[in-house]
Amino acid sequence: MNDNPLKRLLQKITGQDREATAMRESLEEVIEESERESPALSAQERVMLGNLLRFGELKVRDVMAPRAEIVAVDESIGLAELLKLFREVQHSRLPMFRETLDDPTGLIHVKDVMGLLSPEADGAYCVSPNAKITALRRPILFAPPSMRALDLLLKMQATHTHLALVIDEYGGTDGLVSIEDIIEEIVGDISDEHDEVTAPLKPEDGSYIADARMDLDDFKAETGHDFSGGESEEEAERDIDSLGGLVVSLLGRVPQRGEIVTHPDGSEFQVLEADPRRIRKLRIRLPQKPIDAAK
């Protein structure tokens, strides 16, 4: 029997049958007990286990990058332009299409493109005159938005394919999912050597540029400003931990890039980066402190 033990474990933990439900409940009890009574599990381990328990509920639509963020290439692109694009976006794989993104034909890997280059005696590189980009095309997976993220992960593992295009009910391209996107739902953000390293909070022109995932307690520790002051009982019960979560709570939806949201204490949040699923970066302007009239 050629079964995968990791696959069986994931399906048991994230599945919906009676056995899976019992296992989930047991794991949740272990996590809660560890938080209350002992350091048996580190904070990172508890977060990962919690993510894993929620993983079975995730759909492809929950983890995909929206269509507007997809970087793809027309199969008629020239080699020089393709190499330039790979250098700019720092991705190892790009989807390919014919005329429009709604007619995808596969994906192209930078390793295959580099294989077209042949070294010359003077140290330069030349390209075979018969080289064709389409000859390097690899297959790409297709997934509906309603597919479970776990099922797509297992399919990627079985086919050794790291990219999937999300296709809507009309056959149009709705988004893109990489295997890294799915794994990050369990282990958290994975940064590689090409990712830009930025501080979660940076003062700029009398305001702060902040990662929307920054914890509210961390923001208070660095700035002295507490957003929980004046919070209603209903808002306190929502258990909001991050700056992005606070903004979504104030607005009642995920805002678009450029929107400005005002906090009851007078603070302003300007959305600098966002996609349909989450806020990524914010500019925060805190209210001016009143001038002491006695001075």
Foldseek 3Di string as FASTA:
>chain_A
DPDDPVLVVLCLCLPDDPSNVVVVVVLVVVLVCCVPPHVPDPPLRSQLSVLSNCQSVAFQLQLFFWPVPADAEEQVDDLVVVVVVCVVVVDQKHWYAHPDQLGTDAMAGVVVSVVQWDADPVRDTDGDPPDGSVVRGDHAAEAERGHRLSVVLVVCVVVVHFKYFYAYPVSGTTGIGGNQSSVCSNNNDDDDPPDDDDDQWDDDDQWIKGFQADFQVVVCVVPVDHLCPPPDPVRVVVVDTTNFSVQCVQVVARDDQQDWGARPQGKIWHQHDDGRNTGTMIIIHHDDDDDDPVD
